[in-house]
């Protein structure tokens, strides 16, 4: 499994589709904050403005654009600047529209310009007990212009399928939409890492060839007894150059990254399996339960057995 797929699988990425909208101007909606999710809005038709949290400037979401709002941040969607301060809470909009989960969420002014905005909205959730610095390092939002075209014809077709499936109450439609929505996040993240993210701390490490080779090797075999010499050889650099470059890009030492990733894997195994702790310890590179326990407690502030019992 490649490194991005491995990370997203570990985070237990799961897509959820809310609805397809038919908003007629004037309209303005405020979406509340929510933990452990990344919300998304895809402009299937028309355009709107999006202000994320306390960001100084709104994002203009044109037809074909995708915005992914990280860390469940509160945000406002509105048709033009004059309506932003009139934003209505999302739950009130859903109630007022009479939306019952099928068809489109229809909302807007009766005497406006009748400019229609159709959005496909939903979120990506992550397991609450796991994390990764890749996700933590992402900006408040990712805005990809003309997403379908940018990502290729297959993604344009995928978005069209999702738009057709959402809220139409066809057999299997919900499952199709959900699984395809997870593809959206993976593709959007890959695009971002290869473009704007290539210059951001931590994210730049995943696009740097030398560092990326090392990260891939570590994720393929996290239990291997890695040394700085092994890693530097994979990177094709001297030990000193590699160590300095890794910290520059990833903001953590090579061994620090490996330990962190091992602890994330271990916490997931403690929660999802009944395996003995010594077996889990060996699977993440520790030959004794005591050594594993010391490191685990340092990262999670509790012993492995207690962590499993409390969960």
Protein backbone atom coordinates (compact mmCIF):
# COMPACT_ATOMS: atom_id res chain seq x y z
CA UNK A 1 0.00 0.00 0.00
CA UNK A 2 1.38 3.43 -0.89
CA UNK A 3 2.07 5.93 1.88
CA UNK A 4 -0.99 8.16 1.40
CA UNK A 5 -3.33 5.17 1.23
CA UNK A 6 -1.69 3.71 4.33
CA UNK A 7 -2.18 6.93 6.30
CA UNK A 8 -5.81 7.40 5.24
CA UNK A 9 -6.61 3.76 6.00
CA UNK A 10 -5.04 4.15 9.43
CA UNK A 11 -7.13 7.27 10.06
CA UNK A 12 -10.21 5.23 9.07
CA UNK A 13 -11.33 7.77 6.49
CA UNK A 14 -15.06 7.55 5.92
CA UNK A 15 -17.13 9.70 3.57
CA UNK A 16 -20.61 10.97 4.36
CA UNK A 17 -22.86 12.81 1.93
CA UNK A 18 -25.39 15.28 3.33
CA UNK A 19 -27.34 16.44 0.32
CA UNK A 20 -27.43 18.12 -3.04
CA UNK A 21 -28.63 21.70 -2.79
CA UNK A 22 -30.73 24.04 -4.86
CA UNK A 23 -30.10 27.45 -3.30
CA UNK A 24 -31.80 30.41 -4.96
CA UNK A 25 -30.50 33.89 -4.19
CA UNK A 26 -30.64 35.61 -1.86
CA UNK A 27 -29.42 33.01 0.65
CA UNK A 28 -26.81 32.70 3.41
CA UNK A 29 -26.11 29.69 5.64
CA UNK A 30 -23.82 29.11 8.63
CA UNK A 31 -22.46 25.61 9.22
CA UNK A 32 -21.47 24.88 12.86
CA UNK A 33 -18.18 23.36 13.99
CA UNK A 34 -17.86 19.61 14.38
CA UNK A 35 -14.95 17.48 15.63
CA UNK A 36 -12.90 14.94 13.66
CA UNK A 37 -14.32 15.78 10.25
CA UNK A 38 -13.35 17.61 7.10
CA UNK A 39 -16.37 19.09 5.37
CA UNK A 40 -16.57 19.49 1.62
CA UNK A 41 -18.66 21.44 -0.87
CA UNK A 42 -18.50 20.85 -4.61
CA UNK A 43 -20.06 23.49 -6.85
CA UNK A 44 -21.96 21.45 -9.41
CA UNK A 45 -23.76 24.48 -10.81
CA UNK A 46 -23.53 28.21 -10.16
CA UNK A 47 -21.22 29.86 -7.64
CA UNK A 48 -21.10 31.11 -4.05
CA UNK A 49 -18.80 32.57 -1.41
CA UNK A 50 -17.36 30.63 1.53
CA UNK A 51 -15.82 32.16 4.64
CA UNK A 52 -13.99 29.65 6.83
CA UNK A 53 -13.79 30.45 10.54
CA UNK A 54 -12.23 33.86 11.08
CA UNK A 55 -10.34 33.94 7.78
CA UNK A 56 -9.98 37.53 6.57
CA UNK A 57 -11.17 36.87 3.03
CA UNK A 58 -13.89 34.59 1.67
CA UNK A 59 -13.27 31.95 -0.99
CA UNK A 60 -15.12 32.29 -4.28
CA UNK A 61 -16.40 28.84 -5.18
CA UNK A 62 -17.00 28.80 -8.92
CA UNK A 63 -18.81 26.10 -10.83
CA UNK A 64 -16.58 23.01 -10.88
CA UNK A 65 -14.62 24.05 -7.77
CA UNK A 66 -14.16 21.94 -4.66
CA UNK A 67 -13.45 23.18 -1.14
CA UNK A 68 -12.49 20.90 1.75
CA UNK A 69 -12.71 22.57 5.16
CA UNK A 70 -10.40 20.92 7.65
CA UNK A 71 -10.87 20.19 11.34
CA UNK A 72 -14.63 20.66 11.26
CA UNK A 73 -14.30 24.44 11.28
CA UNK A 74 -17.41 26.60 11.32
CA UNK A 75 -18.01 28.37 8.03
CA UNK A 76 -20.56 30.43 6.14
CA UNK A 77 -21.87 29.84 2.62
CA UNK A 78 -23.63 32.76 0.94
CA UNK A 79 -24.63 34.04 -2.48
CA UNK A 80 -23.09 37.53 -2.33
CA UNK A 81 -21.36 39.85 0.19
CA UNK A 82 -24.59 41.63 1.13
CA UNK A 83 -26.08 38.47 2.62
CA UNK A 84 -23.20 37.20 4.77
CA UNK A 85 -24.36 38.86 7.99
CA UNK A 86 -27.84 37.37 7.50
CA UNK A 87 -26.61 33.78 7.65
CA UNK A 88 -29.11 31.25 9.03
CA UNK A 89 -27.94 28.19 10.98
CA UNK A 90 -27.88 25.01 8.90
CA UNK A 91 -30.28 23.05 11.09
CA UNK A 92 -32.84 25.87 10.77
CA UNK A 93 -32.42 25.84 7.00
CA UNK A 94 -33.00 22.08 6.84
CA UNK A 95 -36.10 22.40 9.00
CA UNK A 96 -37.50 25.36 7.06
CA UNK A 97 -36.96 23.61 3.72
CA UNK A 98 -38.76 20.45 4.82
CA UNK A 99 -35.83 18.39 3.58
CA UNK A 100 -36.37 14.69 4.39
CA UNK A 101 -33.20 13.14 3.00
CA UNK A 102 -34.33 12.64 -0.58
CA UNK A 103 -34.14 14.94 -3.53
CA UNK A 104 -32.44 18.32 -3.22
CA UNK A 105 -32.30 20.68 -0.26
CA UNK A 106 -34.24 23.61 -1.71
CA UNK A 107 -33.78 26.97 -0.03
CA UNK A 108 -33.58 30.66 -0.87
CA UNK A 109 -35.42 33.91 -1.45
CA UNK A 110 -38.79 34.08 -3.12
CA UNK A 111 -38.23 37.49 -4.68
CA UNK A 112 -34.53 37.43 -5.48
CA UNK A 113 -32.64 37.11 -8.74
CA UNK A 114 -33.37 33.37 -8.86
CA UNK A 115 -29.68 32.69 -9.50
CA UNK A 116 -29.37 29.01 -8.54
CA UNK A 117 -26.41 27.36 -6.83
CA UNK A 118 -26.25 23.58 -6.74
CA UNK A 119 -23.76 22.12 -4.28
CA UNK A 120 -22.91 18.55 -3.37
CA UNK A 121 -22.14 18.66 0.35
CA UNK A 122 -20.79 16.20 2.86
CA UNK A 123 -17.90 15.42 5.15
CA UNK A 124 -15.00 13.07 5.66
CA UNK A 125 -14.66 11.70 9.17
CA UNK A 126 -11.62 10.30 10.94
CA UNK A 127 -11.37 8.00 13.94
CA UNK A 128 -11.13 9.99 17.16
CA UNK A 129 -8.27 7.96 18.66
CA UNK A 130 -5.75 8.28 15.82
CA UNK A 131 -3.92 11.13 14.13
CA UNK A 132 -1.12 11.87 11.70
CA UNK A 133 1.06 14.92 11.18
CA UNK A 134 0.12 14.97 7.48
CA UNK A 135 -3.49 15.82 8.33
CA UNK A 136 -2.48 18.09 11.22
CA UNK A 137 -0.27 20.14 8.88
CA UNK A 138 -2.99 20.86 6.33
CA UNK A 139 -4.24 24.47 6.11
CA UNK A 140 -7.73 25.51 7.32
CA UNK A 141 -9.11 24.70 3.88
CA UNK A 142 -8.09 23.27 0.52
CA UNK A 143 -9.58 24.99 -2.52
CA UNK A 144 -9.14 23.23 -5.84
CA UNK A 145 -10.36 25.19 -8.83
CA UNK A 146 -12.14 23.35 -11.63
CA UNK A 147 -11.58 20.14 -9.72
CA UNK A 148 -13.01 17.70 -12.24
CA UNK A 149 -10.82 18.99 -15.05
CA UNK A 150 -7.74 19.31 -12.82
CA UNK A 151 -7.99 15.72 -11.64
CA UNK A 152 -8.75 14.25 -15.03
CA UNK A 153 -11.73 12.99 -16.95
CA UNK A 154 -12.30 10.08 -14.56
CA UNK A 155 -12.79 12.45 -11.61
CA UNK A 156 -15.13 14.65 -13.61
CA UNK A 157 -17.20 11.54 -14.32
CA UNK A 158 -17.01 10.50 -10.66
CA UNK A 159 -18.35 13.87 -9.53
CA UNK A 160 -21.14 13.61 -12.07
CA UNK A 161 -22.08 10.16 -10.73
CA UNK A 162 -22.09 11.44 -7.13
CA UNK A 163 -24.27 14.37 -8.13
CA UNK A 164 -26.72 12.00 -9.80
CA UNK A 165 -26.80 9.57 -6.86
CA UNK A 166 -27.17 11.98 -3.92
CA UNK A 167 -30.70 12.12 -2.58
CA UNK A 168 -32.35 10.23 -5.45
CA UNK A 169 -33.41 7.24 -3.30
CA UNK A 170 -32.22 4.71 -5.88
CA UNK A 171 -31.15 1.25 -4.75
CA UNK A 172 -27.50 1.27 -3.74
CA UNK A 173 -27.22 4.97 -4.42
CA UNK A 174 -26.18 5.93 -0.91
CA UNK A 175 -23.37 3.37 -0.79
CA UNK A 176 -22.14 4.37 -4.24
CA UNK A 177 -22.09 8.03 -3.27
CA UNK A 178 -20.33 7.40 0.04
CA UNK A 179 -17.53 5.30 -1.41
CA UNK A 180 -16.97 7.67 -4.30
CA UNK A 181 -16.81 10.60 -1.89
CA UNK A 182 -13.84 8.98 -0.14
CA UNK A 183 -12.05 8.94 -3.49
CA UNK A 184 -12.61 12.71 -3.68
CA UNK A 185 -10.65 13.32 -0.49
CA UNK A 186 -7.73 11.09 -1.46
CA UNK A 187 -7.50 12.65 -4.92
CA UNK A 188 -7.83 16.20 -3.60
CA UNK A 189 -5.14 15.58 -1.00
CA UNK A 190 -2.83 14.08 -3.61
CA UNK A 191 -3.34 17.08 -5.90
CA UNK A 192 -2.66 19.48 -3.04
CA UNK A 193 0.52 17.71 -1.94
CA UNK A 194 1.85 17.89 -5.50
CA UNK A 195 1.07 21.60 -5.93
CA UNK A 196 0.56 24.17 -3.15
CA UNK A 197 1.39 21.74 -0.36
CA UNK A 198 4.86 21.08 -1.78
CA UNK A 199 6.07 24.29 -0.12
CA UNK A 200 4.47 23.82 3.32
CA UNK A 201 6.29 22.38 6.36
CA UNK A 202 5.70 18.62 6.86
CA UNK A 203 3.68 18.35 3.64
CA UNK A 204 6.78 19.16 1.60
CA UNK A 205 8.42 15.98 2.90
CA UNK A 206 5.85 13.83 1.14
CA UNK A 207 6.68 15.40 -2.23
CA UNK A 208 10.46 15.50 -1.79
CA UNK A 209 11.87 12.43 -3.60
CA UNK A 210 14.55 11.61 -1.02
CA UNK A 211 12.29 11.95 2.00
CA UNK A 212 9.32 10.31 0.30
CA UNK A 213 11.36 7.16 -0.40
CA UNK A 214 12.21 6.88 3.27
CA UNK A 215 8.62 7.47 4.40
CA UNK A 216 7.42 4.82 1.97
CA UNK A 217 9.94 2.29 3.28
CA UNK A 218 8.98 2.98 6.90
CA UNK A 219 5.27 2.58 6.18
CA UNK A 220 5.86 -0.65 4.30
CA UNK A 221 7.73 -2.18 7.25
CA UNK A 222 7.31 -0.13 10.45
CA UNK A 223 8.64 -2.97 12.67
CA UNK A 224 12.01 -3.14 10.91
CA UNK A 225 14.93 -2.18 13.20
CA UNK A 226 15.57 1.05 11.34
CA UNK A 227 18.79 2.99 11.91
CA UNK A 228 19.83 6.38 10.62
CA UNK A 229 22.30 4.61 8.32
CA UNK A 230 19.55 2.45 6.76
CA UNK A 231 17.33 5.45 6.17
CA UNK A 232 20.11 7.62 4.73
CA UNK A 233 21.01 4.86 2.26
CA UNK A 234 17.39 4.66 1.05
CA UNK A 235 17.34 8.45 0.68
CA UNK A 236 20.60 8.35 -1.28
CA UNK A 237 22.21 10.88 1.05
CA UNK A 238 24.91 10.97 3.69
CA UNK A 239 23.75 10.42 7.27
CA UNK A 240 24.31 14.05 8.22
CA UNK A 241 22.66 15.51 5.12
CA UNK A 242 19.71 13.15 5.42
CA UNK A 243 19.14 13.88 9.10
CA UNK A 244 19.25 17.64 8.52
CA UNK A 245 17.02 17.48 5.45
CA UNK A 246 14.45 15.25 7.15
CA UNK A 247 14.08 17.66 10.08
CA UNK A 248 13.91 20.62 7.69
CA UNK A 249 11.02 19.09 5.75
CA UNK A 250 9.21 17.09 8.43
CA UNK A 251 9.91 19.19 11.57
CA UNK A 252 10.73 15.97 13.45
CA UNK A 253 13.73 13.63 13.49
CA UNK A 254 13.63 10.43 11.40
CA UNK A 255 13.49 8.23 14.50
CA UNK A 256 10.88 10.53 16.01
CA UNK A 257 8.63 10.00 12.99
CA UNK A 258 9.09 6.24 13.13
CA UNK A 259 8.27 6.08 16.84
CA UNK A 260 5.20 8.24 16.40
CA UNK A 261 3.91 6.06 13.57
CA UNK A 262 4.56 2.88 15.53
CA UNK A 263 2.58 4.25 18.48
CA UNK A 264 -0.32 5.14 16.20
CA UNK A 265 -0.38 1.60 14.79
CA UNK A 266 -0.14 0.12 18.28
CA UNK A 267 -3.03 2.19 19.63
CA UNK A 268 -5.22 1.01 16.77
CA UNK A 269 -4.30 -2.63 17.37
CA UNK A 270 -5.04 -2.28 21.09
CA UNK A 271 -8.51 -0.98 20.29
CA UNK A 272 -9.43 -3.23 17.40
CA UNK A 273 -7.92 -6.59 18.40
CA UNK A 274 -7.63 -8.85 21.42
CA UNK A 275 -3.99 -9.62 20.65
CA UNK A 276 -1.63 -9.91 23.65
CA UNK A 277 0.34 -6.74 24.28
CA UNK A 278 3.65 -8.51 23.64
CA UNK A 279 2.42 -9.54 20.18
CA UNK A 280 1.46 -5.94 19.38
CA UNK A 281 4.81 -4.76 20.72
CA UNK A 282 6.68 -7.10 18.39
CA UNK A 283 4.54 -6.10 15.42
CA UNK A 284 5.62 -2.49 15.81
CA UNK A 285 9.30 -3.17 16.39
CA UNK A 286 9.77 -3.80 20.13
CA UNK A 287 11.20 -7.03 21.50
CA UNK A 288 9.98 -6.58 25.07
CA UNK A 289 6.64 -5.55 26.51
CA UNK A 290 8.40 -3.33 29.05
CA UNK A 291 10.26 -1.30 26.40
CA UNK A 292 7.09 -0.95 24.36
CA UNK A 293 5.10 0.09 27.42
CA UNK A 294 7.54 2.88 28.30
CA UNK A 295 7.40 4.41 24.86
CA UNK A 296 3.63 3.99 24.56
CA UNK A 297 3.03 5.70 27.91
CA UNK A 298 5.22 8.62 26.85
CA UNK A 299 3.12 9.18 23.72
CA UNK A 300 -0.36 8.41 25.07
CA UNK A 301 0.05 9.33 28.77
CA UNK A 302 -1.23 5.92 29.82
CA UNK A 303 -0.02 2.31 29.81
CA UNK A 304 -1.11 0.02 26.93
CA UNK A 305 -3.35 -2.17 29.12
CA UNK A 306 -5.04 0.86 30.67
CA UNK A 307 -5.50 2.46 27.24
CA UNK A 308 -7.25 -0.67 25.97
CA UNK A 309 -9.38 -1.06 29.11
CA UNK A 310 -10.57 2.56 29.15
CA UNK A 311 -11.46 2.44 25.47
